[in-house]
Amino acid sequence: MTKPMPGGRRRVDRVLDPAFVQGVEDLTMAEVRERRADADQEETDLSHNRSKLIARIDLLKAEQSRRAGTMEGSIIDALPQILAGPGQRRTHGSGRHIHTEPSRLDEHRRKEEAIVADTELSDVSHLTDDELVAGIAALQEAEHEVSEVRHDVQQVMDFFQAEIGRRYREGLANVDDLLTAPPGA
């Protein structure tokens, strides 16, 4: 993923721009919720993309294991286990519950999409050992970069969540307003 760029037009650029959180006390509750929702959507997209990268890393590592004789059967036989959900494989995520669907992934995820879609890496049985190692390294680098950006986005989400909580605690917001708020507010 291209690192967030100051002044960039992508959602990740806006969410991680320091101005996004400045002056939060002057924002309406609807504006605070909208910014939290933007950060939440960005986190969802990053999580989805990270999962695809991890699955590809796991696939290449499984091929290495098969070649080393430490995995029984074929890659095809092992696919269900390789591509199992987070509960079935190791994960280093935040443990946050994702409750939105990924959006506009290919709009600003070109680097990871190119790596994941790389047909050279798709046919693992035809890769040399060196190509497997290089592919894993490239995927791990992309996953690390996505993870770092995702962590930064999560901090922005937490900031807005804390602001919402503060407003309720201090009586600046009323739970009854939620009943009249538009969906997603």
C-alpha atoms as a PDB file:
ATOM      1  CA  MET A   1       0.000   0.000   0.000  1.00  0.00           C
ATOM      2  CA  THR A   2       1.215   3.427  -0.704  1.00  0.00           C
ATOM      3  CA  LYS A   3       1.726   5.152   2.611  1.00  0.00           C
ATOM      4  CA  PRO A   4      -0.782   7.905   3.398  1.00  0.00           C
ATOM      5  CA  MET A   5       0.118  11.138   1.679  1.00  0.00           C
ATOM      6  CA  PRO A   6      -0.436  14.557   3.243  1.00  0.00           C
ATOM      7  CA  GLY A   7      -3.028  16.335   1.145  1.00  0.00           C
ATOM      8  CA  GLY A   8      -3.921  13.123  -0.677  1.00  0.00           C
ATOM      9  CA  ARG A   9      -7.452  12.444  -1.872  1.00  0.00           C
ATOM     10  CA  ARG A  10      -7.911   8.892  -0.621  1.00  0.00           C
ATOM     11  CA  ARG A  11      -9.941   8.222   2.507  1.00  0.00           C
ATOM     12  CA  VAL A  12      -6.822   6.902   4.279  1.00  0.00           C
ATOM     13  CA  ASP A  13      -5.074  10.211   3.514  1.00  0.00           C
ATOM     14  CA  ARG A  14      -7.960  12.170   5.045  1.00  0.00           C
ATOM     15  CA  VAL A  15      -8.350   9.903   8.082  1.00  0.00           C
ATOM     16  CA  LEU A  16      -4.643  10.040   8.934  1.00  0.00           C
ATOM     17  CA  ASP A  17      -4.266  13.751   8.258  1.00  0.00           C
ATOM     18  CA  PRO A  18      -3.680  15.446  11.654  1.00  0.00           C
ATOM     19  CA  ALA A  19      -6.394  17.982  10.747  1.00  0.00           C
ATOM     20  CA  PHE A  20      -8.968  15.153  10.788  1.00  0.00           C
ATOM     21  CA  VAL A  21      -8.878  15.037  14.602  1.00  0.00           C
ATOM     22  CA  GLN A  22      -8.098  18.696  15.318  1.00  0.00           C
ATOM     23  CA  GLY A  23     -10.885  20.850  16.670  1.00  0.00           C
ATOM     24  CA  VAL A  24     -12.998  17.833  17.572  1.00  0.00           C
ATOM     25  CA  GLU A  25     -14.655  19.781  20.381  1.00  0.00           C
ATOM     26  CA  ASP A  26     -16.122  22.159  17.779  1.00  0.00           C
ATOM     27  CA  LEU A  27     -17.682  19.366  15.723  1.00  0.00           C
ATOM     28  CA  THR A  28     -21.298  18.350  16.073  1.00  0.00           C
ATOM     29  CA  MET A  29     -22.012  14.863  17.351  1.00  0.00           C
ATOM     30  CA  ALA A  30     -23.100  13.883  13.826  1.00  0.00           C
ATOM     31  CA  GLU A  31     -19.758  15.087  12.446  1.00  0.00           C
ATOM     32  CA  VAL A  32     -17.829  13.153  15.102  1.00  0.00           C
ATOM     33  CA  ARG A  33     -19.814  10.016  14.278  1.00  0.00           C
ATOM     34  CA  GLU A  34     -19.260  10.561  10.559  1.00  0.00           C
ATOM     35  CA  ARG A  35     -15.506  10.817  11.043  1.00  0.00           C
ATOM     36  CA  ARG A  36     -15.502   7.740  13.244  1.00  0.00           C
ATOM     37  CA  ALA A  37     -17.449   5.912  10.522  1.00  0.00           C
ATOM     38  CA  ASP A  38     -14.887   7.002   7.896  1.00  0.00           C
ATOM     39  CA  ALA A  39     -12.076   5.660  10.070  1.00  0.00           C
ATOM     40  CA  ASP A  40     -14.056   2.469  10.725  1.00  0.00           C
ATOM     41  CA  GLN A  41     -14.590   1.880   7.007  1.00  0.00           C
ATOM     42  CA  GLU A  42     -10.914   2.463   6.296  1.00  0.00           C
ATOM     43  CA  GLU A  43      -9.973  -0.004   9.034  1.00  0.00           C
ATOM     44  CA  THR A  44     -12.344  -2.582   7.517  1.00  0.00           C
ATOM     45  CA  ASP A  45     -10.794  -2.161   4.092  1.00  0.00           C
ATOM     46  CA  LEU A  46      -7.276  -2.434   5.497  1.00  0.00           C
ATOM     47  CA  SER A  47      -8.232  -5.547   7.491  1.00  0.00           C
ATOM     48  CA  HIS A  48      -9.704  -7.190   4.408  1.00  0.00           C
ATOM     49  CA  ASN A  49      -6.642  -6.433   2.354  1.00  0.00           C
ATOM     50  CA  ARG A  50      -4.335  -7.629   5.128  1.00  0.00           C
ATOM     51  CA  SER A  51      -6.246 -10.926   5.283  1.00  0.00           C
ATOM     52  CA  LYS A  52      -5.712 -11.482   1.574  1.00  0.00           C
ATOM     53  CA  LEU A  53      -1.998 -10.849   1.963  1.00  0.00           C
ATOM     54  CA  ILE A  54      -1.758 -13.258   4.905  1.00  0.00           C
ATOM     55  CA  ALA A  55      -3.609 -15.944   2.949  1.00  0.00           C
ATOM     56  CA  ARG A  56      -1.146 -15.589   0.076  1.00  0.00           C
ATOM     57  CA  ILE A  57       1.814 -15.753   2.486  1.00  0.00           C
ATOM     58  CA  ASP A  58       0.333 -18.901   4.018  1.00  0.00           C
ATOM     59  CA  LEU A  59      -0.078 -20.430   0.563  1.00  0.00           C
ATOM     60  CA  LEU A  60       3.560 -19.821  -0.367  1.00  0.00           C
ATOM     61  CA  LYS A  61       4.764 -21.116   3.001  1.00  0.00           C
ATOM     62  CA  ALA A  62       2.648 -24.225   2.557  1.00  0.00           C
ATOM     63  CA  GLU A  63       4.399 -24.847  -0.755  1.00  0.00           C
ATOM     64  CA  GLN A  64       7.736 -24.512   1.019  1.00  0.00           C
ATOM     65  CA  SER A  65       6.568 -27.052   3.611  1.00  0.00           C
ATOM     66  CA  ARG A  66       5.371 -29.410   0.892  1.00  0.00           C
ATOM     67  CA  ARG A  67       8.754 -29.247  -0.795  1.00  0.00           C
ATOM     68  CA  ALA A  68      10.548 -29.775   2.500  1.00  0.00           C
ATOM     69  CA  GLY A  69       8.437 -32.863   3.114  1.00  0.00           C
ATOM     70  CA  THR A  70       6.843 -31.491   6.284  1.00  0.00           C
ATOM     71  CA  MET A  71       3.364 -31.293   4.771  1.00  0.00           C
ATOM     72  CA  GLU A  72       1.405 -34.308   3.632  1.00  0.00           C
ATOM     73  CA  GLY A  73      -0.643 -34.212   0.467  1.00  0.00           C
ATOM     74  CA  SER A  74      -0.963 -31.506  -2.118  1.00  0.00           C
ATOM     75  CA  ILE A  75      -1.525 -27.791  -1.823  1.00  0.00           C
ATOM     76  CA  ILE A  76      -5.052 -28.373  -3.174  1.00  0.00           C
ATOM     77  CA  ASP A  77      -5.752 -30.830  -0.351  1.00  0.00           C
ATOM     78  CA  ALA A  78      -4.446 -28.341   2.196  1.00  0.00           C
ATOM     79  CA  LEU A  79      -6.297 -25.283   0.822  1.00  0.00           C
ATOM     80  CA  PRO A  80      -9.169 -25.407   3.336  1.00  0.00           C
ATOM     81  CA  GLN A  81      -6.676 -25.284   6.198  1.00  0.00           C
ATOM     82  CA  ILE A  82      -4.404 -22.745   4.479  1.00  0.00           C
ATOM     83  CA  LEU A  83      -7.274 -20.390   3.725  1.00  0.00           C
ATOM     84  CA  ALA A  84      -9.158 -20.988   6.977  1.00  0.00           C
ATOM     85  CA  GLY A  85     -10.612 -18.018   8.762  1.00  0.00           C
ATOM     86  CA  PRO A  86      -8.829 -16.168  11.562  1.00  0.00           C
ATOM     87  CA  GLY A  87     -10.099 -18.642  14.146  1.00  0.00           C
ATOM     88  CA  GLN A  88      -8.260 -21.440  12.385  1.00  0.00           C
ATOM     89  CA  ARG A  89      -4.895 -19.819  11.728  1.00  0.00           C
ATOM     90  CA  ARG A  90      -2.501 -17.592  13.504  1.00  0.00           C
ATOM     91  CA  THR A  91      -3.402 -13.934  13.520  1.00  0.00           C
ATOM     92  CA  HIS A  92      -1.743 -10.844  14.861  1.00  0.00           C
ATOM     93  CA  GLY A  93      -4.737  -8.557  14.472  1.00  0.00           C
ATOM     94  CA  SER A  94      -6.252  -6.296  17.066  1.00  0.00           C
ATOM     95  CA  GLY A  95      -9.165  -8.579  17.807  1.00  0.00           C
ATOM     96  CA  ARG A  96     -11.613  -5.834  16.837  1.00  0.00           C
ATOM     97  CA  HIS A  97     -14.995  -6.843  15.552  1.00  0.00           C
ATOM     98  CA  ILE A  98     -15.453  -5.772  11.949  1.00  0.00           C
ATOM     99  CA  HIS A  99     -19.040  -4.845  11.279  1.00  0.00           C
ATOM    100  CA  THR A 100     -18.873  -3.154   7.895  1.00  0.00           C
ATOM    101  CA  GLU A 101     -18.230  -4.558   4.446  1.00  0.00           C
ATOM    102  CA  PRO A 102     -15.030  -3.684   2.565  1.00  0.00           C
ATOM    103  CA  SER A 103     -15.432  -0.871   0.063  1.00  0.00           C
ATOM    104  CA  ARG A 104     -13.502   0.592  -2.856  1.00  0.00           C
ATOM    105  CA  LEU A 105     -10.550  -1.701  -2.225  1.00  0.00           C
ATOM    106  CA  ASP A 106      -8.919  -1.464  -5.596  1.00  0.00           C
ATOM    107  CA  GLU A 107      -9.286   2.306  -5.679  1.00  0.00           C
ATOM    108  CA  HIS A 108      -6.276   2.826  -3.422  1.00  0.00           C
ATOM    109  CA  ARG A 109      -4.755  -0.557  -2.737  1.00  0.00           C
ATOM    110  CA  ARG A 110      -2.915  -0.978  -6.007  1.00  0.00           C
ATOM    111  CA  LYS A 111       0.359  -2.261  -4.574  1.00  0.00           C
ATOM    112  CA  GLU A 112      -1.211  -5.066  -2.533  1.00  0.00           C
ATOM    113  CA  GLU A 113      -3.730  -5.897  -5.228  1.00  0.00           C
ATOM    114  CA  ALA A 114      -0.895  -6.225  -7.737  1.00  0.00           C
ATOM    115  CA  ILE A 115       1.025  -8.537  -5.410  1.00  0.00           C
ATOM    116  CA  VAL A 116      -2.012 -10.674  -4.588  1.00  0.00           C
ATOM    117  CA  ALA A 117      -3.077 -10.832  -8.233  1.00  0.00           C
ATOM    118  CA  ASP A 118       0.429 -11.640  -9.466  1.00  0.00           C
ATOM    119  CA  THR A 119      -0.058 -14.745 -11.589  1.00  0.00           C
ATOM    120  CA  GLU A 120       3.612 -15.586 -11.146  1.00  0.00           C
ATOM    121  CA  LEU A 121       2.891 -16.165  -7.452  1.00  0.00           C
ATOM    122  CA  SER A 122      -0.401 -17.938  -8.129  1.00  0.00           C
ATOM    123  CA  ASP A 123       1.093 -21.089  -9.601  1.00  0.00           C
ATOM    124  CA  VAL A 124       3.262 -21.947  -6.618  1.00  0.00           C
ATOM    125  CA  SER A 125       4.328 -25.335  -7.923  1.00  0.00           C
ATOM    126  CA  HIS A 126       6.222 -23.706 -10.787  1.00  0.00           C
ATOM    127  CA  LEU A 127       8.133 -21.225  -8.647  1.00  0.00           C
ATOM    128  CA  THR A 128      11.750 -21.846  -7.820  1.00  0.00           C
ATOM    129  CA  ASP A 129      12.751 -21.954  -4.170  1.00  0.00           C
ATOM    130  CA  ASP A 130      14.304 -18.497  -4.556  1.00  0.00           C
ATOM    131  CA  GLU A 131      11.098 -17.159  -6.111  1.00  0.00           C
ATOM    132  CA  LEU A 132       9.100 -18.537  -3.184  1.00  0.00           C
ATOM    133  CA  VAL A 133      11.411 -16.800  -0.722  1.00  0.00           C
ATOM    134  CA  ALA A 134      11.235 -13.522  -2.670  1.00  0.00           C
ATOM    135  CA  GLY A 135       7.454 -13.753  -2.969  1.00  0.00           C
ATOM    136  CA  ILE A 136       7.024 -14.342   0.752  1.00  0.00           C
ATOM    137  CA  ALA A 137       9.333 -11.425   1.538  1.00  0.00           C
ATOM    138  CA  ALA A 138       7.404  -9.065  -0.763  1.00  0.00           C
ATOM    139  CA  LEU A 139       4.071 -10.154   0.688  1.00  0.00           C
ATOM    140  CA  GLN A 140       5.334  -9.831   4.264  1.00  0.00           C
ATOM    141  CA  GLU A 141       6.615  -6.337   3.555  1.00  0.00           C
ATOM    142  CA  ALA A 142       3.235  -5.313   2.124  1.00  0.00           C
ATOM    143  CA  GLU A 143       1.399  -6.924   5.059  1.00  0.00           C
ATOM    144  CA  HIS A 144       3.637  -5.109   7.540  1.00  0.00           C
ATOM    145  CA  GLU A 145       2.968  -1.790   5.830  1.00  0.00           C
ATOM    146  CA  VAL A 146      -0.797  -2.389   5.802  1.00  0.00           C
ATOM    147  CA  SER A 147      -0.662  -3.376   9.482  1.00  0.00           C
ATOM    148  CA  GLU A 148       1.146  -0.181  10.431  1.00  0.00           C
ATOM    149  CA  VAL A 149      -1.351   2.005   8.604  1.00  0.00           C
ATOM    150  CA  ARG A 150      -4.236  -0.013  10.057  1.00  0.00           C
ATOM    151  CA  HIS A 151      -2.883   0.551  13.560  1.00  0.00           C
ATOM    152  CA  ASP A 152      -2.752   4.302  12.924  1.00  0.00           C
ATOM    153  CA  VAL A 153      -6.331   4.262  11.634  1.00  0.00           C
ATOM    154  CA  GLN A 154      -7.442   2.332  14.726  1.00  0.00           C
ATOM    155  CA  GLN A 155      -5.982   5.082  16.899  1.00  0.00           C
ATOM    156  CA  VAL A 156      -8.114   7.613  15.028  1.00  0.00           C
ATOM    157  CA  MET A 157     -11.195   5.408  15.539  1.00  0.00           C
ATOM    158  CA  ASP A 158     -10.393   5.167  19.250  1.00  0.00           C
ATOM    159  CA  PHE A 159      -9.957   8.943  19.449  1.00  0.00           C
ATOM    160  CA  PHE A 160     -13.437   9.589  18.045  1.00  0.00           C
ATOM    161  CA  GLN A 161     -14.971   6.816  20.149  1.00  0.00           C
ATOM    162  CA  ALA A 162     -13.441   8.397  23.258  1.00  0.00           C
ATOM    163  CA  GLU A 163     -14.835  11.787  22.233  1.00  0.00           C
ATOM    164  CA  ILE A 164     -18.313  10.321  21.872  1.00  0.00           C
ATOM    165  CA  GLY A 165     -17.980   8.682  25.285  1.00  0.00           C
ATOM    166  CA  ARG A 166     -16.766  11.944  26.829  1.00  0.00           C
ATOM    167  CA  ARG A 167     -19.764  13.824  25.474  1.00  0.00           C
ATOM    168  CA  TYR A 168     -22.179  11.310  26.959  1.00  0.00           C
ATOM    169  CA  ARG A 169     -20.380  11.266  30.326  1.00  0.00           C
ATOM    170  CA  GLU A 170     -20.338  15.040  30.533  1.00  0.00           C
ATOM    171  CA  GLY A 171     -23.971  15.383  29.496  1.00  0.00           C
ATOM    172  CA  LEU A 172     -23.097  17.025  26.181  1.00  0.00           C
ATOM    173  CA  ALA A 173     -24.933  14.296  24.276  1.00  0.00           C
ATOM    174  CA  ASN A 174     -28.139  12.480  25.004  1.00  0.00           C
ATOM    175  CA  VAL A 175     -28.879   8.829  24.323  1.00  0.00           C
ATOM    176  CA  ASP A 176     -32.373   9.875  23.182  1.00  0.00           C
ATOM    177  CA  ASP A 177     -30.714  11.616  20.219  1.00  0.00           C
ATOM    178  CA  LEU A 178     -29.762   8.188  18.902  1.00  0.00           C
ATOM    179  CA  LEU A 179     -33.455   7.391  18.465  1.00  0.00           C
ATOM    180  CA  THR A 180     -33.875  10.327  16.086  1.00  0.00           C
ATOM    181  CA  ALA A 181     -30.480  10.124  14.395  1.00  0.00           C
ATOM    182  CA  PRO A 182     -30.384   8.991  10.766  1.00  0.00           C
ATOM    183  CA  PRO A 183     -29.086   5.432  10.183  1.00  0.00           C
ATOM    184  CA  GLY A 184     -25.308   5.152  10.450  1.00  0.00           C
ATOM    185  CA  ALA A 185     -24.968   8.383  12.434  1.00  0.00           C
END
